[in-house]
């Protein structure tokens, strides 16, 4: 049970880190990641 809780916490931290990285890359690229973000959303919805 503790492993499950830890894995859920780790998943949350990883998701937040990924979101932060995507935002940073988005700002650095000047907004060229809209197509990539839509692709990622499509992949997430298919999963």
Protein backbone atom coordinates (compact mmCIF):
# COMPACT_ATOMS: atom_id res chain seq x y z
CA UNK A 1 0.00 0.00 0.00
CA UNK A 2 2.78 2.42 0.88
CA UNK A 3 4.44 1.70 -2.46
CA UNK A 4 1.22 2.61 -4.26
CA UNK A 5 0.91 5.87 -2.35
CA UNK A 6 4.55 6.74 -3.05
CA UNK A 7 4.14 5.92 -6.73
CA UNK A 8 1.06 8.17 -6.93
CA UNK A 9 3.00 11.00 -5.26
CA UNK A 10 5.90 10.43 -7.65
CA UNK A 11 3.52 10.45 -10.62
CA UNK A 12 2.11 13.78 -9.44
CA UNK A 13 5.60 15.24 -9.06
CA UNK A 14 6.63 13.94 -12.49
CA UNK A 15 3.50 15.41 -14.07
CA UNK A 16 4.17 18.79 -12.47
CA UNK A 17 7.80 18.69 -13.61
CA UNK A 18 6.75 17.80 -17.16
CA UNK A 19 4.22 20.64 -17.21
CA UNK A 20 6.87 23.10 -15.96
CA UNK A 21 9.35 21.89 -18.59
CA UNK A 22 6.72 22.19 -21.34
CA UNK A 23 5.90 25.75 -20.22
CA UNK A 24 9.60 26.70 -20.18
CA UNK A 25 10.21 25.18 -23.63
CA UNK A 26 7.02 26.86 -24.89
CA UNK A 27 8.24 30.28 -23.72
CA UNK A 28 11.76 29.69 -25.09
CA UNK A 29 10.48 28.55 -28.51
CA UNK A 30 8.17 31.56 -28.71
CA UNK A 31 4.94 29.53 -28.88
CA UNK A 32 5.95 26.99 -31.55
CA UNK A 33 4.82 24.02 -29.42
CA UNK A 34 1.07 24.39 -30.00
CA UNK A 35 1.15 21.57 -32.56
CA UNK A 36 3.27 19.40 -30.26
CA UNK A 37 0.93 20.07 -27.32
CA UNK A 38 -2.09 19.11 -29.41
CA UNK A 39 -0.30 15.89 -30.41
CA UNK A 40 0.46 15.11 -26.75
CA UNK A 41 -3.18 15.75 -25.81
CA UNK A 42 -4.28 13.45 -28.60
CA UNK A 43 -1.90 10.71 -27.39
CA UNK A 44 -3.16 11.12 -23.81
CA UNK A 45 -6.80 10.88 -24.90
CA UNK A 46 -6.05 7.76 -26.97
CA UNK A 47 -4.38 6.15 -23.96
